[in-house]
Amino acid sequence: MQFGLFSVGDVTTDPTTGNTVSEHERIEAMTAIALKAEEVGLDVFATGEHHNPPFVPSSPTTMLGWIAAKTEKLRLSTATTLITTNDPVKIAEDFAMLQHLSNGRVDLTLGRGNTGPVYPWFGKDIRQGIPLAVENYHLLRRLWREKNIDWEGKFRTPLQGYTSTPAPLDETPPFVWHGSIRSPEIAEQAAFYGDGFFHNNIFWNSEHTQQMVNLYRERYEHYGHGAADQAIVGLGGQVFIASTEAEAKRRFRPYFDNAPVYGHGPSMEDFTEMTPLTVGTPEQVIEKTLSFADYAGDYQRQLFLIDHAGLPLEMALEQVELLGTEVVPVLRAEFERRRPAHVPSNPPTHESLVAQGRESMHHRVAPAQDLAAAGQEGN
């Protein structure tokens, strides 16, 4: 199972000191956290994509390329790559380039984003969010799998005889996750292609997460990619760890109470009761995280948010250290002990996809249709 971190890259005033870091300092902090993640044995670092203050990661592949040059094992991903407002031609180019520079240590999570004004900034209509996601992703799949493409759709200019460069490393496209909190259409999209489904459930109760993940699993099986419990699932979570629960709550409470995303609402205690947020000891984080599989099933990737809400860099690095040394080794062993033999331990990687060969379903533009056609031929 893969464990890692994701960052939304917010620039938030530290409520305990009144200090607000510069954008430059925040970017440097994010890269320092990524390097620390590799140092302590975590598997993945993922960055969000935002184009508005108070967030800084507007160019994920630039940041991930820098991190790739400084690391050897860390897998590089995104918490969201905006499939709606980015041109799929540019996504195809940027992530193929990152694939080459990182020797295949890259995947990505596609999403629609949650900031409405971004759409008109890039000439798009938020009311077309779902159709944009569907059309753009199908084009992206073609760009990574075909040459000399003729294409015409609703949302961008046509392509004639177009070939994206560079081609994916080893002619093997990156593995794609589809991220959604509340849109069943995106869960359906992930299932249709046999891709991963990432439910960043940090603000949602277990019943909602279970409903979304179960929909994806059921449709994954419906489209012939495998049994429902073999579908590739990732989850989010936020933690703050200290040696005692009281100490963790004392240190984290001012950050929670003033957080731009969920501050000034339900109490920290209510939030930890309703959502995956865990504020406590390493043992409490382990217990709470293991419980995610009780409602989401056996899953393959767990990402933690640890640097939100103005936490100073030294505190965030302390959290990474505690995760890597005291929490994740136990989680890794316990999740695997519980996992049925037929359920994948890890999501696909570049190495595993290359090993499957060029005839695997990963190389098909519309694998569900190909599987259906093969089934009809067999009848």
Protein backbone atom coordinates (compact mmCIF):
# COMPACT_ATOMS: atom_id res chain seq x y z
CA MET A 1 0.00 0.00 0.00
CA GLN A 2 1.19 3.50 -0.81
CA PHE A 3 1.31 6.22 1.84
CA GLY A 4 2.14 9.84 1.27
CA LEU A 5 1.33 13.50 1.61
CA PHE A 6 -0.66 16.02 -0.33
CA SER A 7 -0.49 19.78 -0.04
CA VAL A 8 -2.99 22.40 -1.14
CA GLY A 9 -0.25 25.05 -0.96
CA ASP A 10 -2.17 27.69 0.97
CA VAL A 11 -0.49 30.83 2.29
CA THR A 12 -2.18 31.30 5.65
CA THR A 13 -1.20 33.50 8.60
CA ASP A 14 0.10 31.54 11.59
CA PRO A 15 -2.53 32.38 14.23
CA THR A 16 -0.07 31.78 17.08
CA THR A 17 2.53 34.29 15.87
CA GLY A 18 0.76 36.52 13.35
CA ASN A 19 3.46 35.68 10.81
CA THR A 20 2.52 35.21 7.16
CA VAL A 21 5.17 33.60 4.98
CA SER A 22 5.85 34.93 1.49
CA GLU A 23 4.82 32.97 -1.58
CA HIS A 24 8.50 32.14 -2.12
CA GLU A 25 8.83 30.79 1.42
CA ARG A 26 5.66 28.70 1.01
CA ILE A 27 6.91 27.16 -2.23
CA GLU A 28 10.23 26.33 -0.59
CA ALA A 29 8.36 24.80 2.36
CA MET A 30 6.36 22.53 0.07
CA THR A 31 9.52 21.23 -1.61
CA ALA A 32 11.22 20.73 1.77
CA ILE A 33 8.24 18.68 2.93
CA ALA A 34 8.45 16.53 -0.21
CA LEU A 35 12.15 15.84 0.37
CA LYS A 36 11.42 14.96 3.99
CA ALA A 37 8.74 12.54 2.83
CA GLU A 38 11.32 10.55 0.87
CA GLU A 39 13.80 10.72 3.74
CA VAL A 40 11.38 9.06 6.19
CA GLY A 41 10.21 6.40 3.74
CA LEU A 42 6.88 7.72 2.51
CA ASP A 43 5.86 6.73 -1.00
CA VAL A 44 4.06 9.70 -2.57
CA PHE A 45 4.03 13.49 -2.61
CA ALA A 46 1.10 15.18 -4.34
CA THR A 47 0.49 18.88 -4.95
CA GLY A 48 -2.77 20.64 -5.62
CA GLU A 49 -3.36 23.04 -8.50
CA HIS A 50 -4.75 26.51 -7.81
CA HIS A 51 -4.73 29.75 -9.78
CA ASN A 52 -5.91 32.14 -7.11
CA PRO A 53 -4.66 33.56 -3.81
CA PRO A 54 -4.04 32.42 -1.11
CA PHE A 55 -2.63 29.38 -2.93
CA VAL A 56 0.74 29.07 -4.70
CA PRO A 57 0.90 25.80 -6.71
CA SER A 58 -0.27 27.07 -10.10
CA SER A 59 2.28 24.96 -12.02
CA PRO A 60 2.36 21.45 -10.54
CA THR A 61 4.67 19.87 -13.11
CA THR A 62 7.28 22.59 -12.59
CA MET A 63 7.34 21.88 -8.87
CA LEU A 64 7.26 18.10 -9.31
CA GLY A 65 10.06 18.26 -11.87
CA TRP A 66 12.26 20.04 -9.31
CA ILE A 67 11.38 17.44 -6.68
CA ALA A 68 12.08 14.63 -9.15
CA ALA A 69 15.62 15.92 -9.61
CA LYS A 70 16.19 15.87 -5.84
CA THR A 71 14.71 12.43 -5.07
CA GLU A 72 15.19 8.82 -6.12
CA LYS A 73 12.15 6.83 -5.00
CA LEU A 74 9.36 9.28 -4.21
CA ARG A 75 6.34 8.99 -6.50
CA LEU A 76 5.13 12.34 -7.77
CA SER A 77 1.45 13.05 -8.15
CA THR A 78 -1.20 15.73 -8.02
CA ALA A 79 -4.05 16.20 -5.60
CA THR A 80 -5.90 17.80 -8.50
CA THR A 81 -4.96 18.49 -12.10
CA LEU A 82 -7.72 20.62 -13.58
CA ILE A 83 -9.05 18.59 -16.50
CA THR A 84 -11.75 21.21 -17.07
CA THR A 85 -9.76 24.45 -17.45
CA ASN A 86 -6.43 23.06 -18.67
CA ASP A 87 -6.04 22.18 -22.33
CA PRO A 88 -5.70 18.38 -22.56
CA VAL A 89 -3.00 18.91 -25.20
CA LYS A 90 -0.88 20.75 -22.64
CA ILE A 91 -1.61 18.17 -19.92
CA ALA A 92 -0.44 15.43 -22.30
CA GLU A 93 2.80 17.27 -23.02
CA ASP A 94 3.58 18.36 -19.46
CA PHE A 95 3.04 15.02 -17.75
CA ALA A 96 4.80 13.02 -20.46
CA MET A 97 7.80 15.31 -20.00
CA LEU A 98 7.62 14.83 -16.22
CA GLN A 99 7.42 11.07 -16.79
CA HIS A 100 10.72 11.16 -18.67
CA LEU A 101 12.45 13.44 -16.17
CA SER A 102 11.38 11.31 -13.20
CA ASN A 103 12.04 7.93 -14.89
CA GLY A 104 8.37 7.04 -14.60
CA ARG A 105 7.76 8.10 -10.98
CA VAL A 106 4.60 10.01 -11.83
CA ASP A 107 0.85 9.65 -11.88
CA LEU A 108 -1.87 12.30 -11.65
CA THR A 109 -5.30 12.95 -10.22
CA LEU A 110 -7.76 14.70 -12.51
CA GLY A 111 -10.48 16.88 -11.05
CA ARG A 112 -12.78 19.77 -11.81
CA GLY A 113 -11.55 22.02 -8.99
CA ASN A 114 -13.66 23.83 -6.41
CA THR A 115 -12.99 27.48 -7.28
CA GLY A 116 -15.72 28.82 -9.54
CA PRO A 117 -13.91 31.95 -10.87
CA VAL A 118 -11.14 29.78 -12.38
CA TYR A 119 -13.45 28.73 -15.23
CA PRO A 120 -13.93 32.16 -16.87
CA TRP A 121 -10.24 33.01 -16.29
CA PHE A 122 -9.45 30.19 -18.71
CA GLY A 123 -12.38 30.84 -21.01
CA LYS A 124 -14.60 28.03 -19.72
CA ASP A 125 -18.14 27.82 -18.31
CA ILE A 126 -18.48 26.20 -14.88
CA ARG A 127 -21.95 25.00 -15.86
CA GLN A 128 -20.19 22.71 -18.35
CA GLY A 129 -17.87 21.21 -15.72
CA ILE A 130 -18.93 17.58 -16.12
CA PRO A 131 -19.09 17.61 -19.97
CA LEU A 132 -15.67 19.31 -20.01
CA ALA A 133 -14.21 16.63 -17.76
CA VAL A 134 -15.64 13.84 -19.93
CA GLU A 135 -14.62 15.26 -23.31
CA ASN A 136 -11.19 16.49 -22.26
CA TYR A 137 -10.19 13.23 -20.63
CA HIS A 138 -11.16 11.14 -23.62
CA LEU A 139 -9.01 13.40 -25.79
CA LEU A 140 -6.14 13.10 -23.30
CA ARG A 141 -6.30 9.33 -23.56
CA ARG A 142 -6.05 9.54 -27.33
CA LEU A 143 -3.14 11.97 -27.17
CA TRP A 144 -1.16 9.53 -25.03
CA ARG A 145 -2.03 6.47 -27.10
CA GLU A 146 -2.33 7.51 -30.75
CA LYS A 147 -0.42 9.43 -33.41
CA ASN A 148 -1.67 11.65 -36.23
CA ILE A 149 -4.94 12.37 -34.44
CA ASP A 150 -7.93 13.90 -36.18
CA TRP A 151 -10.32 15.13 -33.52
CA GLU A 152 -13.24 17.49 -33.16
CA GLY A 153 -15.24 18.21 -30.02
CA LYS A 154 -17.35 20.87 -28.36
CA PHE A 155 -14.87 22.71 -26.15
CA ARG A 156 -11.66 23.31 -28.12
CA THR A 157 -10.51 23.82 -31.67
CA PRO A 158 -10.23 20.69 -33.83
CA LEU A 159 -6.98 18.78 -34.28
CA GLN A 160 -5.79 17.54 -37.66
CA GLY A 161 -2.96 15.05 -37.97
CA TYR A 162 -1.72 15.98 -34.48
CA THR A 163 0.89 13.98 -32.53
CA SER A 164 1.71 14.93 -28.95
CA THR A 165 5.39 15.16 -27.99
CA PRO A 166 7.15 13.77 -26.15
CA ALA A 167 5.39 10.45 -26.30
CA PRO A 168 4.91 8.84 -22.88
CA LEU A 169 7.96 7.10 -21.44
CA ASP A 170 8.26 3.56 -22.82
CA GLU A 171 5.09 4.36 -24.80
CA THR A 172 3.19 3.77 -21.54
CA PRO A 173 0.84 6.55 -20.38
CA PRO A 174 0.85 7.55 -16.71
CA PHE A 175 -1.70 5.98 -14.42
CA VAL A 176 -4.64 8.31 -13.82
CA TRP A 177 -6.82 8.82 -10.77
CA HIS A 178 -10.13 10.65 -11.01
CA GLY A 179 -10.74 12.80 -7.95
CA SER A 180 -14.20 13.75 -6.83
CA ILE A 181 -15.90 14.45 -3.54
CA ARG A 182 -19.54 14.57 -4.61
CA SER A 183 -19.98 13.90 -8.36
CA PRO A 184 -21.18 10.38 -9.23
CA GLU A 185 -20.45 11.11 -12.91
CA ILE A 186 -16.72 11.24 -12.10
CA ALA A 187 -16.86 7.95 -10.22
CA GLU A 188 -18.56 6.51 -13.30
CA GLN A 189 -15.86 7.96 -15.55
CA ALA A 190 -13.09 6.37 -13.46
CA ALA A 191 -14.86 3.02 -13.56
CA PHE A 192 -15.49 3.15 -17.33
CA TYR A 193 -11.78 3.50 -18.09
CA GLY A 194 -10.58 1.19 -15.31
CA ASP A 195 -8.67 4.07 -13.73
CA GLY A 196 -8.25 4.85 -10.04
CA PHE A 197 -10.77 6.78 -7.96
CA PHE A 198 -9.46 9.19 -5.33
CA HIS A 199 -11.98 10.39 -2.76
CA ASN A 200 -10.38 13.25 -0.86
CA ASN A 201 -12.73 12.76 2.03
CA ILE A 202 -11.19 15.17 4.53
CA PHE A 203 -14.44 17.15 4.90
CA TRP A 204 -16.94 14.32 4.57
CA ASN A 205 -18.50 11.75 6.84
CA SER A 206 -17.96 8.04 6.38
CA GLU A 207 -21.46 7.41 5.00
CA HIS A 208 -20.89 9.78 2.09
CA THR A 209 -17.44 8.37 1.35
CA GLN A 210 -18.79 4.84 1.43
CA GLN A 211 -21.56 5.74 -1.01
CA MET A 212 -19.18 7.30 -3.54
CA VAL A 213 -16.54 4.57 -3.31
CA ASN A 214 -19.13 1.80 -3.54
CA LEU A 215 -20.60 3.37 -6.68
CA TYR A 216 -17.16 3.39 -8.28
CA ARG A 217 -16.49 -0.21 -7.23
CA GLU A 218 -19.84 -1.45 -8.56
CA ARG A 219 -19.35 0.27 -11.92
CA TYR A 220 -15.72 -0.90 -12.16
CA GLU A 221 -16.99 -4.47 -11.97
CA HIS A 222 -19.87 -3.69 -14.34
CA TYR A 223 -17.40 -2.57 -17.02
CA GLY A 224 -15.42 -5.79 -16.74
CA HIS A 225 -12.18 -4.58 -15.16
CA GLY A 226 -12.32 -7.02 -12.24
CA ALA A 227 -14.24 -7.65 -9.05
CA ALA A 228 -15.58 -4.65 -7.18
CA ASP A 229 -13.17 -5.16 -4.30
CA GLN A 230 -10.23 -5.09 -6.72
CA ALA A 231 -10.96 -1.54 -7.90
CA ILE A 232 -8.17 0.98 -7.26
CA VAL A 233 -9.14 3.42 -4.49
CA GLY A 234 -7.29 6.27 -2.78
CA LEU A 235 -8.38 8.28 0.25
CA GLY A 236 -7.38 11.53 1.91
CA GLY A 237 -7.01 12.41 5.56
CA GLN A 238 -5.66 15.09 7.84
CA VAL A 239 -3.70 14.47 11.00
CA PHE A 240 -1.87 16.31 13.74
CA ILE A 241 0.26 14.12 15.98
CA ALA A 242 1.80 14.62 19.41
CA SER A 243 2.87 12.40 22.30
CA THR A 244 -0.48 12.86 24.06
CA GLU A 245 -3.96 13.68 22.81
CA ALA A 246 -4.12 16.74 25.05
CA GLU A 247 -0.85 18.08 23.67
CA ALA A 248 -1.96 17.48 20.07
CA LYS A 249 -5.24 19.34 20.65
CA ARG A 250 -3.54 22.19 22.46
CA ARG A 251 -1.03 22.75 19.66
CA PHE A 252 -3.37 22.24 16.71
CA ARG A 253 -6.51 24.01 17.96
CA PRO A 254 -5.52 27.57 17.00
CA TYR A 255 -4.70 26.41 13.46
CA PHE A 256 -7.96 24.51 13.13
CA ASP A 257 -10.06 27.35 14.52
CA ASN A 258 -8.61 29.86 12.05
CA ALA A 259 -8.22 27.63 8.99
CA PRO A 260 -9.63 29.33 5.87
CA VAL A 261 -11.24 26.09 4.71
CA TYR A 262 -13.00 24.77 7.80
CA GLY A 263 -12.35 27.24 10.61
CA HIS A 264 -15.15 29.15 12.33
CA GLY A 265 -17.54 26.21 11.88
CA PRO A 266 -17.96 22.95 13.81
CA SER A 267 -15.59 22.44 16.70
CA MET A 268 -12.40 20.44 16.28
CA GLU A 269 -13.95 17.70 18.41
CA ASP A 270 -17.06 17.57 16.22
CA PHE A 271 -14.93 17.54 13.10
CA THR A 272 -12.79 14.64 14.34
CA GLU A 273 -15.98 12.76 15.16
CA MET A 274 -17.57 13.33 11.74
CA THR A 275 -14.59 13.23 9.36
CA PRO A 276 -11.19 11.52 8.96
CA LEU A 277 -9.42 14.36 10.84
CA THR A 278 -7.34 12.86 13.67
CA VAL A 279 -5.71 15.01 16.33
CA GLY A 280 -3.92 12.83 18.84
CA THR A 281 -1.22 10.26 19.42
CA PRO A 282 0.39 8.00 16.81
CA GLU A 283 -1.74 5.15 18.15
CA GLN A 284 -4.94 7.16 17.66
CA VAL A 285 -3.95 8.06 14.09
CA ILE A 286 -3.27 4.38 13.37
CA GLU A 287 -6.59 3.29 14.82
CA LYS A 288 -8.61 5.94 12.96
CA THR A 289 -6.86 5.37 9.63
CA LEU A 290 -7.33 1.60 9.80
CA SER A 291 -11.06 2.22 10.28
CA PHE A 292 -11.29 3.80 6.80
CA ALA A 293 -11.21 0.32 5.26
CA ASP A 294 -14.27 -0.64 7.31
CA TYR A 295 -16.44 1.56 5.08
CA ALA A 296 -14.32 2.11 1.95
CA GLY A 297 -13.02 -1.45 1.56
CA ASP A 298 -9.40 -2.48 1.09
CA TYR A 299 -7.71 0.36 -0.75
CA GLN A 300 -4.33 1.14 -2.28
CA ARG A 301 -3.29 4.74 -1.48
CA GLN A 302 -3.58 6.91 1.62
CA LEU A 303 -2.53 10.56 1.45
CA PHE A 304 -2.34 12.85 4.47
CA LEU A 305 -2.64 16.63 4.64
CA ILE A 306 -0.23 17.97 7.27
CA ASP A 307 0.79 21.51 6.21
CA HIS A 308 -2.50 23.42 5.97
CA ALA A 309 -3.72 26.43 7.94
CA GLY A 310 -0.48 28.27 8.61
CA LEU A 311 1.54 25.57 10.36
CA PRO A 312 5.18 26.67 10.36
CA LEU A 313 7.58 24.55 8.35
CA GLU A 314 9.36 23.10 11.38
CA MET A 315 6.04 21.85 12.76
CA ALA A 316 5.05 20.34 9.40
CA LEU A 317 8.41 18.55 9.14
CA GLU A 318 7.88 17.19 12.64
CA GLN A 319 4.56 15.76 11.48
CA VAL A 320 6.21 14.13 8.45
CA GLU A 321 8.82 12.56 10.74
CA LEU A 322 6.17 11.14 13.08
CA LEU A 323 4.16 9.77 10.16
CA GLY A 324 7.17 8.12 8.58
CA THR A 325 8.67 6.64 11.73
CA GLU A 326 5.77 5.87 14.08
CA VAL A 327 2.57 5.68 12.05
CA VAL A 328 3.05 4.45 8.50
CA PRO A 329 5.19 1.36 9.28
CA VAL A 330 2.40 0.06 11.51
CA LEU A 331 -0.32 0.98 9.02
CA ARG A 332 1.56 -0.65 6.16
CA ALA A 333 1.92 -3.94 8.02
CA GLU A 334 -1.61 -3.98 9.42
CA PHE A 335 -3.39 -3.07 6.18
CA GLU A 336 -1.49 -5.84 4.39
CA ARG A 337 -2.23 -8.36 7.11
CA ARG A 338 -5.94 -7.72 6.66
CA ARG A 339 -5.95 -7.54 2.84
CA PRO A 340 -7.41 -10.54 0.92
CA ALA A 341 -4.91 -12.17 -1.42
CA HIS A 342 -6.88 -11.28 -4.58
CA VAL A 343 -7.01 -7.53 -3.81
CA PRO A 344 -4.09 -5.44 -5.16
CA SER A 345 -1.80 -3.99 -2.53
CA ASN A 346 -0.66 -1.05 -4.65
CA PRO A 347 -2.06 1.03 -7.49
CA PRO A 348 -0.46 0.51 -10.89
CA THR A 349 2.98 2.05 -11.33
CA HIS A 350 5.00 2.75 -14.46
CA GLU A 351 6.97 -0.42 -13.84
CA SER A 352 3.90 -2.61 -13.45
CA LEU A 353 2.17 -1.08 -16.48
CA VAL A 354 5.24 -1.63 -18.68
CA ALA A 355 5.41 -5.22 -17.47
CA GLN A 356 1.80 -5.79 -18.56
CA GLY A 357 2.80 -5.17 -22.18
CA ARG A 358 1.44 -3.09 -25.01
CA GLU A 359 -1.65 -5.25 -25.40
CA SER A 360 -2.94 -4.53 -21.89
CA MET A 361 -6.17 -2.62 -21.37
CA HIS A 362 -4.19 0.35 -20.04
CA HIS A 363 -3.10 1.04 -23.62
CA ARG A 364 -6.65 1.11 -24.99
CA VAL A 365 -8.42 4.42 -25.44
CA ALA A 366 -11.79 2.99 -24.35
CA PRO A 367 -11.05 -0.32 -22.62
CA ALA A 368 -14.61 -0.87 -21.39
CA GLN A 369 -15.87 -0.82 -24.97
CA ASP A 370 -13.12 -3.22 -26.04
CA LEU A 371 -13.96 -5.58 -23.19
CA ALA A 372 -17.63 -5.47 -24.11
CA ALA A 373 -16.86 -6.18 -27.74
CA ALA A 374 -14.64 -9.12 -26.77
CA GLY A 375 -17.44 -10.52 -24.62
CA GLN A 376 -19.94 -10.29 -27.47
CA GLU A 377 -17.53 -12.06 -29.80
CA GLY A 378 -17.22 -14.86 -27.29
CA ASN A 379 -20.97 -15.41 -27.14
